[in-house]
Amino acid sequence: MLSMVMLMYIILKRFRKIRGYSCKDMARMLKISVPYYCQLENGKRTLTYVMAVKISSIFKMWPDDIFYDEHLKDRVIVRTRTGKIRTISFFPEK
């Protein structure tokens, strides 16, 4: 079972990819080094609320909608082959 913390990093990576940004693009926009950003995205560094605010501003969203909303705790955002964006549950209902 994925922890909420690990899911948060998966969601961050999905949002980045959906928006078409590379790790280098994100690091440049956040004014941090590429290795630091990669460590954030891979869960090697703690994502602070301040950094979450900066990241969410790049996506033009509220940080809670990306990282902390209850409805995302067991879901990941994906783009289908047809280009539609949807959320998929890690724990399908029985």
Protein backbone atom coordinates (compact mmCIF):
# COMPACT_ATOMS: atom_id res chain seq x y z
CA MET A 1 0.00 0.00 0.00
CA LEU A 2 1.33 3.43 -0.93
CA SER A 3 1.72 5.96 1.81
CA MET A 4 0.15 9.40 1.43
CA VAL A 5 3.64 10.90 1.26
CA MET A 6 4.77 8.70 -1.63
CA LEU A 7 1.50 9.33 -3.46
CA MET A 8 2.13 13.06 -3.16
CA TYR A 9 5.40 12.66 -5.09
CA ILE A 10 3.75 10.48 -7.73
CA ILE A 11 1.09 13.14 -8.20
CA LEU A 12 3.78 15.83 -8.54
CA LYS A 13 5.51 13.84 -11.28
CA ARG A 14 2.23 13.19 -13.10
CA PHE A 15 1.27 16.88 -13.04
CA ARG A 16 4.69 17.83 -14.40
CA LYS A 17 4.47 15.32 -17.23
CA ILE A 18 0.88 16.22 -18.10
CA ARG A 19 1.89 19.88 -18.39
CA GLY A 20 4.83 18.90 -20.60
CA TYR A 21 7.57 20.17 -18.29
CA SER A 22 10.92 18.49 -17.77
CA CYS A 23 12.66 18.35 -14.39
CA LYS A 24 15.01 21.00 -15.75
CA ASP A 25 12.06 23.27 -16.64
CA MET A 26 10.60 22.90 -13.14
CA ALA A 27 13.93 23.58 -11.47
CA ARG A 28 14.43 26.69 -13.58
CA MET A 29 10.94 28.04 -12.78
CA LEU A 30 11.40 27.30 -9.07
CA LYS A 31 14.93 28.77 -9.09
CA ILE A 32 16.45 25.63 -7.59
CA SER A 33 18.99 23.15 -8.93
CA VAL A 34 17.89 20.24 -11.12
CA PRO A 35 19.23 17.63 -8.63
CA TYR A 36 17.30 19.31 -5.81
CA TYR A 37 14.07 19.21 -7.83
CA CYS A 38 14.65 15.57 -8.79
CA GLN A 39 15.17 14.73 -5.12
CA LEU A 40 11.87 16.44 -4.29
CA GLU A 41 10.04 14.52 -6.98
CA ASN A 42 11.55 11.20 -5.92
CA GLY A 43 10.80 11.68 -2.23
CA LYS A 44 14.43 12.10 -1.19
CA ARG A 45 13.74 15.64 0.05
CA THR A 46 10.81 16.84 2.10
CA LEU A 47 8.30 18.95 0.21
CA THR A 48 7.65 21.99 2.38
CA TYR A 49 4.42 23.92 2.18
CA VAL A 50 6.32 26.92 0.79
CA MET A 51 7.72 24.80 -2.04
CA ALA A 52 4.27 23.26 -2.61
CA VAL A 53 2.88 26.79 -3.03
CA LYS A 54 5.59 27.64 -5.57
CA ILE A 55 4.99 24.41 -7.49
CA SER A 56 1.22 24.84 -7.48
CA SER A 57 1.57 28.39 -8.81
CA ILE A 58 3.37 26.95 -11.85
CA PHE A 59 0.35 24.69 -12.43
CA LYS A 60 -2.04 27.59 -11.65
CA MET A 61 -3.71 25.61 -8.88
CA TRP A 62 -3.97 25.70 -5.10
CA PRO A 63 -1.42 23.50 -3.28
CA ASP A 64 -4.15 21.67 -1.38
CA ASP A 65 -5.79 20.65 -4.67
CA ILE A 66 -2.57 19.00 -5.83
CA PHE A 67 -0.97 17.64 -2.69
CA TYR A 68 -3.35 17.54 0.25
CA ASP A 69 -6.92 16.98 -0.85
CA GLU A 70 -8.59 13.95 0.68
CA HIS A 71 -10.02 12.80 -2.66
CA LEU A 72 -6.50 12.29 -4.06
CA LYS A 73 -5.22 10.09 -1.26
CA ASP A 74 -5.69 6.88 -3.21
CA ARG A 75 -5.61 8.15 -6.78
CA VAL A 76 -3.14 9.10 -9.44
CA ILE A 77 -3.72 11.44 -12.36
CA VAL A 78 -3.02 9.97 -15.79
CA ARG A 79 -3.43 10.91 -19.43
CA THR A 80 -5.07 8.22 -21.51
CA ARG A 81 -3.95 7.24 -25.01
CA THR A 82 -6.73 9.41 -26.40
CA GLY A 83 -5.35 12.42 -24.49
CA LYS A 84 -8.04 12.60 -21.81
CA ILE A 85 -6.91 13.30 -18.26
CA ARG A 86 -8.44 11.12 -15.55
CA THR A 87 -7.76 9.88 -12.07
CA ILE A 88 -7.33 6.20 -11.37
CA SER A 89 -7.70 4.61 -7.96
CA PHE A 90 -4.92 2.46 -6.56
CA PHE A 91 -7.53 0.65 -4.51
CA PRO A 92 -10.54 -0.20 -6.71
CA GLU A 93 -13.83 -0.68 -4.92
CA LYS A 94 -14.82 -4.29 -4.35
